C-alpha cells in the first residue's frame, strides 16, 4: 500500500508518496499558509495531487507541536496558529481517507528506527539539533507518547537551574545549550573574546551573527574557535544523554538536525561527556551513538509509515 507523508514546517510543507519499504517515490513542496484553514486546504490539495495518478491508502501529517493522545488534535503549535485544532477531522472531511497526525520529531525518530540508523534496534532515542532540540523515544519497538500524547520533548528538560530563557516559557532548557542556535551563540561569544575566535569574528554578518553553515565549514577546516564552540554544545548534549540513559536505557542515540552533518566531530565530544555523566559508567551496558541517515526526508517517511500502520 502506498501512503502519503506530509511534513508541515513553519515556512514550507513537504510531502511525498512513500512505499512500504520507506522509499519516497514522488515528492513536492509548497509554502506554508499562515491561516489554519488555508493550511488545511494546501495539505488537502497536495494529497489530491498525489491521489490523482496513484492509489493512496492513508495519509500521515507531521507538525511541530503537542498532539493529543488520540493523534487527532493539535493542542498547541509553536510556529502555526493552532490551538486545540481538530486537524485530523478537518483533513479527513476534505480528502476522504484515513489521516494520522504526529509530532514531527516523533515522525523523524520513527523513520530512523524503521528504515535508518536505528534499524535493527528495539530501544532508541533520537535527538535533533536544529533551531531547538527535538526528541523521540522508541521503547521495545513502539513509539512512546506518554499519558497525554506529548512525551518526548527532550529538548525541554531543565538542564540548568535558572538558566537561559527558553521559548517554551521556562528557563534553562536543554535546547538553549545544545541546539544549532546554541552553537551560533557560543561561536559569537568566542568571536568576542578574540584569540582563537578571530576566524569566527571575520564571518559575522551585518546582522551581527555568524551563520550556522559557516561555523560548520570552520569546524571541518579544524579552526580552533569553531571546534571549541562545537565542543561546548556537544558536551551539553552528551551530558544530557547520560541522564536520558539513566531513565530510558536506550541501546542507541540517533543524532539528527543540521548540526549532525558534522558527524564524528560532533559525536566524539558527545561520547566523552556521556561517559563522564552516566551513573555507574564502567559497571553497566552503554548506548551506541549514530548520525541520522534519512536527513530531511525523515518526517515524510516516518509519518507515512505510521499512517500505514494505523489502517
Protein backbone atom coordinates (compact mmCIF):
# COMPACT_ATOMS: atom_id res chain seq x y z
CA UNK A 1 0.00 0.00 0.00
CA UNK A 2 1.21 3.48 -0.85
CA UNK A 3 0.79 6.22 1.74
CA UNK A 4 1.32 9.95 1.69
CA UNK A 5 3.54 11.60 4.27
CA UNK A 6 3.34 15.35 4.82
CA UNK A 7 5.74 17.34 6.98
CA UNK A 8 4.41 20.79 7.92
CA UNK A 9 7.07 23.35 8.82
CA UNK A 10 6.82 26.99 9.74
CA UNK A 11 7.73 28.10 6.20
CA UNK A 12 7.15 25.07 3.94
CA UNK A 13 5.02 21.96 3.57
CA UNK A 14 6.90 18.97 2.17
CA UNK A 15 5.01 15.90 1.03
CA UNK A 16 5.73 12.61 -0.63
CA UNK A 17 4.31 9.27 -1.69
CA UNK A 18 6.02 6.50 0.29
CA UNK A 19 6.11 2.78 -0.45
CA UNK A 20 6.07 0.02 2.23
CA UNK A 21 9.88 -0.06 2.26
CA UNK A 22 10.14 3.58 3.28
CA UNK A 23 11.16 4.81 -0.18
CA UNK A 24 9.78 8.14 -1.42
CA UNK A 25 8.65 7.66 -5.00
CA UNK A 26 7.30 11.17 -5.57
CA UNK A 27 7.79 14.40 -3.66
CA UNK A 28 6.71 18.04 -3.74
CA UNK A 29 6.69 21.13 -1.53
CA UNK A 30 4.76 24.39 -1.17
CA UNK A 31 4.91 27.41 1.10
CA UNK A 32 3.08 27.19 4.44
CA UNK A 33 0.00 29.45 4.58
CA UNK A 34 -0.43 31.44 7.78
CA UNK A 35 -4.19 30.89 8.04
CA UNK A 36 -5.10 27.44 9.53
CA UNK A 37 -7.95 26.84 7.08
CA UNK A 38 -5.78 27.73 4.10
CA UNK A 39 -3.09 25.43 5.50
CA UNK A 40 -5.55 22.54 5.71
CA UNK A 41 -6.59 23.22 2.13
CA UNK A 42 -2.96 23.29 0.98
CA UNK A 43 -2.36 19.88 2.58
CA UNK A 44 -5.56 18.53 1.02
CA UNK A 45 -4.53 19.84 -2.40
CA UNK A 46 -1.20 18.07 -2.05
CA UNK A 47 -2.92 14.78 -1.24
CA UNK A 48 -5.34 15.19 -4.16
CA UNK A 49 -2.39 15.81 -6.46
CA UNK A 50 -0.74 12.53 -5.43
CA UNK A 51 -4.03 10.59 -5.46
CA UNK A 52 -4.89 11.74 -8.99
CA UNK A 53 -2.49 9.23 -10.51
CA UNK A 54 -1.77 6.75 -7.69
CA UNK A 55 -3.85 4.62 -5.34
CA UNK A 56 -3.24 6.04 -1.84
CA UNK A 57 -4.33 4.08 1.24
CA UNK A 58 -3.75 6.59 4.04
CA UNK A 59 -2.22 9.94 4.87
CA UNK A 60 0.17 10.92 7.67
CA UNK A 61 0.77 14.52 8.70
CA UNK A 62 3.69 15.60 10.89
CA UNK A 63 3.95 19.00 12.55
CA UNK A 64 5.87 20.61 15.38
CA UNK A 65 3.67 20.86 18.46
CA UNK A 66 1.75 18.95 21.08
CA UNK A 67 -0.52 16.27 19.56
CA UNK A 68 -3.22 14.70 21.74
CA UNK A 69 -3.22 11.07 22.73
CA UNK A 70 -5.73 10.14 20.00
CA UNK A 71 -3.44 11.69 17.34
CA UNK A 72 -6.38 13.80 16.17
CA UNK A 73 -5.94 17.28 17.64
CA UNK A 74 -3.02 19.70 17.68
CA UNK A 75 -3.15 21.01 21.25
CA UNK A 76 -0.58 23.72 20.59
CA UNK A 77 1.94 24.51 17.86
CA UNK A 78 4.82 26.99 18.29
CA UNK A 79 5.05 28.12 14.64
CA UNK A 80 1.46 27.84 13.39
CA UNK A 81 -1.75 29.44 14.71
CA UNK A 82 -3.16 26.16 16.04
CA UNK A 83 -4.76 25.83 19.46
CA UNK A 84 -6.83 22.67 20.04
CA UNK A 85 -7.03 22.37 16.26
CA UNK A 86 -9.10 19.31 15.14
CA UNK A 87 -6.69 18.71 12.29
CA UNK A 88 -7.46 15.06 11.61
CA UNK A 89 -11.20 15.64 11.26
CA UNK A 90 -10.64 18.76 9.15
CA UNK A 91 -8.38 16.87 6.73
CA UNK A 92 -10.42 13.65 6.57
CA UNK A 93 -13.54 15.64 5.66
CA UNK A 94 -11.65 17.19 2.76
CA UNK A 95 -9.78 14.21 1.33
CA UNK A 96 -11.98 11.23 2.25
CA UNK A 97 -9.28 8.88 3.51
CA UNK A 98 -7.76 7.98 6.91
CA UNK A 99 -5.37 10.58 8.36
CA UNK A 100 -2.79 10.16 11.13
CA UNK A 101 -1.39 13.22 12.92
CA UNK A 102 2.03 13.04 14.61
CA UNK A 103 4.64 15.30 16.17
CA UNK A 104 7.41 15.97 13.65
CA UNK A 105 10.26 14.79 15.88
CA UNK A 106 8.37 11.57 16.67
CA UNK A 107 7.85 11.01 12.96
CA UNK A 108 11.54 11.50 12.23
CA UNK A 109 12.55 9.20 15.08
CA UNK A 110 10.19 6.50 13.85
CA UNK A 111 11.64 6.75 10.35
CA UNK A 112 15.17 6.29 11.67
CA UNK A 113 14.02 3.32 13.77
CA UNK A 114 12.27 1.62 10.88
CA UNK A 115 14.46 2.48 7.91
CA UNK A 116 17.51 4.47 9.00
CA UNK A 117 20.27 4.50 11.60
CA UNK A 118 18.11 2.75 14.21
CA UNK A 119 17.20 -0.23 12.07
CA UNK A 120 17.79 -3.49 13.94
CA UNK A 121 17.45 -1.94 17.43
CA UNK A 122 14.44 -2.12 19.75
CA UNK A 123 15.08 0.82 22.09
CA UNK A 124 16.41 4.10 20.71
CA UNK A 125 16.34 7.80 21.47
CA UNK A 126 16.57 10.33 18.66
CA UNK A 127 17.67 13.91 19.27
CA UNK A 128 17.55 16.55 16.53
CA UNK A 129 19.82 19.59 16.77
CA UNK A 130 18.08 22.30 14.80
CA UNK A 131 16.74 25.66 15.94
CA UNK A 132 15.83 23.77 19.11
CA UNK A 133 16.34 20.19 20.26
CA UNK A 134 13.66 17.71 19.25
CA UNK A 135 13.28 14.27 20.73
CA UNK A 136 11.69 10.90 20.04
CA UNK A 137 11.70 7.78 22.20
CA UNK A 138 11.21 4.24 20.89
CA UNK A 139 10.66 1.65 23.63
CA UNK A 140 10.56 -2.05 22.75
CA UNK A 141 9.71 -1.25 19.16
CA UNK A 142 6.93 1.21 19.93
CA UNK A 143 6.85 4.99 19.79
CA UNK A 144 6.47 6.27 23.34
CA UNK A 145 3.88 9.05 23.53
CA UNK A 146 3.04 9.20 27.25
CA UNK A 147 -0.23 9.58 29.09
CA UNK A 148 -1.38 12.72 27.29
CA UNK A 149 0.33 12.13 23.94
CA UNK A 150 3.07 14.73 24.34
CA UNK A 151 6.04 12.71 25.63
CA UNK A 152 9.49 13.01 24.07
CA UNK A 153 10.02 16.77 24.46
CA UNK A 154 13.60 16.07 25.48
CA UNK A 155 14.85 19.50 24.47
CA UNK A 156 12.76 20.99 27.25
CA UNK A 157 14.30 19.03 30.07
CA UNK A 158 15.55 21.54 32.65
CA UNK A 159 19.30 21.42 32.07
CA UNK A 160 20.49 24.47 34.02
CA UNK A 161 18.56 25.75 37.01
CA UNK A 162 17.57 29.41 36.46
CA UNK A 163 19.43 29.25 33.15
CA UNK A 164 18.82 30.94 29.82
CA UNK A 165 15.19 31.80 28.97
CA UNK A 166 13.51 29.41 26.54
CA UNK A 167 10.71 29.98 24.06
CA UNK A 168 8.57 27.48 25.97
CA UNK A 169 8.33 29.92 28.88
CA UNK A 170 10.80 28.16 31.18
CA UNK A 171 14.48 28.79 31.83
CA UNK A 172 17.50 26.54 31.40
CA UNK A 173 16.02 24.06 28.90
CA UNK A 174 18.49 21.75 27.17
CA UNK A 175 17.82 23.27 23.75
CA UNK A 176 19.29 26.57 24.94
CA UNK A 177 22.65 24.81 25.33
CA UNK A 178 22.69 22.02 22.72
CA UNK A 179 20.95 23.28 19.56
CA UNK A 180 22.04 24.88 16.32
CA UNK A 181 21.05 28.22 17.80
CA UNK A 182 23.19 27.48 20.87
CA UNK A 183 26.12 26.73 18.56
CA UNK A 184 25.74 30.17 16.99
CA UNK A 185 25.58 31.82 20.40
CA UNK A 186 28.73 30.06 21.57
CA UNK A 187 30.53 30.94 18.33
CA UNK A 188 29.63 34.60 18.75
CA UNK A 189 30.83 34.55 22.35
CA UNK A 190 34.18 33.05 21.30
CA UNK A 191 34.46 35.60 18.49
CA UNK A 192 34.04 38.39 21.05
CA UNK A 193 36.97 37.04 23.04
CA UNK A 194 39.47 37.34 20.18
CA UNK A 195 42.34 34.84 20.18
CA UNK A 196 41.01 31.55 18.82
CA UNK A 197 37.84 33.38 17.79
CA UNK A 198 39.43 35.56 15.11
CA UNK A 199 38.21 33.50 12.17
CA UNK A 200 34.71 33.41 13.63
CA UNK A 201 34.72 37.19 14.08
CA UNK A 202 35.58 37.62 10.41
CA UNK A 203 32.41 35.72 9.47
CA UNK A 204 29.96 37.95 11.28
CA UNK A 205 27.19 39.21 9.01
CA UNK A 206 25.78 42.70 9.00
CA UNK A 207 23.17 41.35 11.47
CA UNK A 208 25.93 40.71 13.98
CA UNK A 209 25.74 36.93 14.00
CA UNK A 210 27.61 34.04 12.41
CA UNK A 211 25.65 31.74 10.06
CA UNK A 212 25.48 28.12 11.16
CA UNK A 213 26.84 26.70 7.86
CA UNK A 214 29.87 28.99 8.15
CA UNK A 215 30.61 27.60 11.62
CA UNK A 216 30.37 24.07 10.23
CA UNK A 217 32.81 24.90 7.45
CA UNK A 218 35.31 26.21 10.01
CA UNK A 219 34.89 23.07 12.13
CA UNK A 220 35.72 20.93 9.11
CA UNK A 221 38.74 23.17 8.45
CA UNK A 222 39.89 22.47 12.02
CA UNK A 223 39.54 26.07 13.18
CA UNK A 224 40.12 26.11 16.97
CA UNK A 225 37.39 28.65 17.74
CA UNK A 226 34.70 26.81 15.80
CA UNK A 227 35.75 23.48 17.31
CA UNK A 228 35.56 24.99 20.78
CA UNK A 229 32.02 26.21 20.09
CA UNK A 230 31.01 22.78 18.79
CA UNK A 231 32.65 21.13 21.79
CA UNK A 232 30.52 23.18 24.16
CA UNK A 233 27.19 22.19 22.61
CA UNK A 234 28.30 18.58 22.06
CA UNK A 235 29.28 18.36 25.72
CA UNK A 236 25.90 19.68 26.81
CA UNK A 237 24.05 17.14 24.68
CA UNK A 238 26.34 14.31 25.76
CA UNK A 239 25.79 15.12 29.42
CA UNK A 240 22.03 15.13 28.85
CA UNK A 241 22.30 11.73 27.17
CA UNK A 242 23.86 10.37 30.34
CA UNK A 243 20.70 11.38 32.18
CA UNK A 244 18.44 10.02 29.44
CA UNK A 245 20.34 6.72 29.69
CA UNK A 246 19.63 6.50 33.40
CA UNK A 247 15.89 6.94 32.80
CA UNK A 248 15.24 5.27 29.43
CA UNK A 249 18.23 2.91 28.93
CA UNK A 250 18.27 3.04 25.10
CA UNK A 251 20.56 0.86 23.03
CA UNK A 252 21.24 3.72 20.64
CA UNK A 253 21.16 7.51 20.44
CA UNK A 254 20.49 8.81 16.92
CA UNK A 255 21.52 12.43 16.35
CA UNK A 256 19.84 14.40 13.57
CA UNK A 257 19.34 18.00 12.50
CA UNK A 258 21.64 20.44 10.77
CA UNK A 259 24.50 20.18 13.28
CA UNK A 260 24.59 16.40 12.81
CA UNK A 261 26.21 16.83 9.40
CA UNK A 262 29.48 17.25 11.32
CA UNK A 263 29.46 13.53 12.07
CA UNK A 264 32.27 12.29 14.27
CA UNK A 265 33.39 15.85 15.02
CA UNK A 266 30.12 16.11 16.94
CA UNK A 267 29.86 12.55 18.26
CA UNK A 268 33.37 12.27 19.72
CA UNK A 269 32.95 15.01 22.38
CA UNK A 270 29.39 13.83 22.93
CA UNK A 271 30.55 10.34 23.83
CA UNK A 272 33.16 11.73 26.22
CA UNK A 273 30.58 13.86 28.02
CA UNK A 274 28.12 10.95 28.07
CA UNK A 275 30.65 8.68 29.77
CA UNK A 276 31.53 11.23 32.43
CA UNK A 277 27.87 11.86 33.31
CA UNK A 278 26.47 8.32 33.15
CA UNK A 279 25.67 6.84 36.57
CA UNK A 280 27.65 3.64 37.08
CA UNK A 281 29.80 4.07 33.98
CA UNK A 282 32.14 1.12 33.62
CA UNK A 283 29.79 -1.17 35.52
CA UNK A 284 26.80 -1.19 33.17
CA UNK A 285 25.98 -1.52 29.46
CA UNK A 286 26.20 1.71 27.49
CA UNK A 287 24.48 3.03 24.39
CA UNK A 288 25.90 3.48 20.92
CA UNK A 289 25.75 6.80 19.04
CA UNK A 290 24.95 7.29 15.35
CA UNK A 291 24.18 10.10 12.93
CA UNK A 292 20.68 10.08 11.41
CA UNK A 293 20.59 8.56 7.94
CA UNK A 294 17.41 9.96 6.38
CA UNK A 295 18.14 13.68 6.85
CA UNK A 296 15.33 15.97 5.59
CA UNK A 297 13.09 13.12 4.39
CA UNK A 298 12.70 11.51 7.82
CA UNK A 299 9.49 13.31 8.74
CA UNK A 300 7.75 12.38 5.49
CA UNK A 301 8.86 8.74 5.66
CA UNK A 302 8.11 8.30 9.36
CA UNK A 303 4.62 9.76 9.37
CA UNK A 304 3.71 7.87 6.19
CA UNK A 305 4.77 4.59 7.82
CA UNK A 306 2.79 5.42 10.97
CA UNK A 307 -0.25 6.12 8.80
CA UNK A 308 0.20 2.80 7.02
CA UNK A 309 0.28 1.01 10.38
CA UNK A 310 -2.95 2.61 11.53
CA UNK A 311 -5.18 1.18 8.76
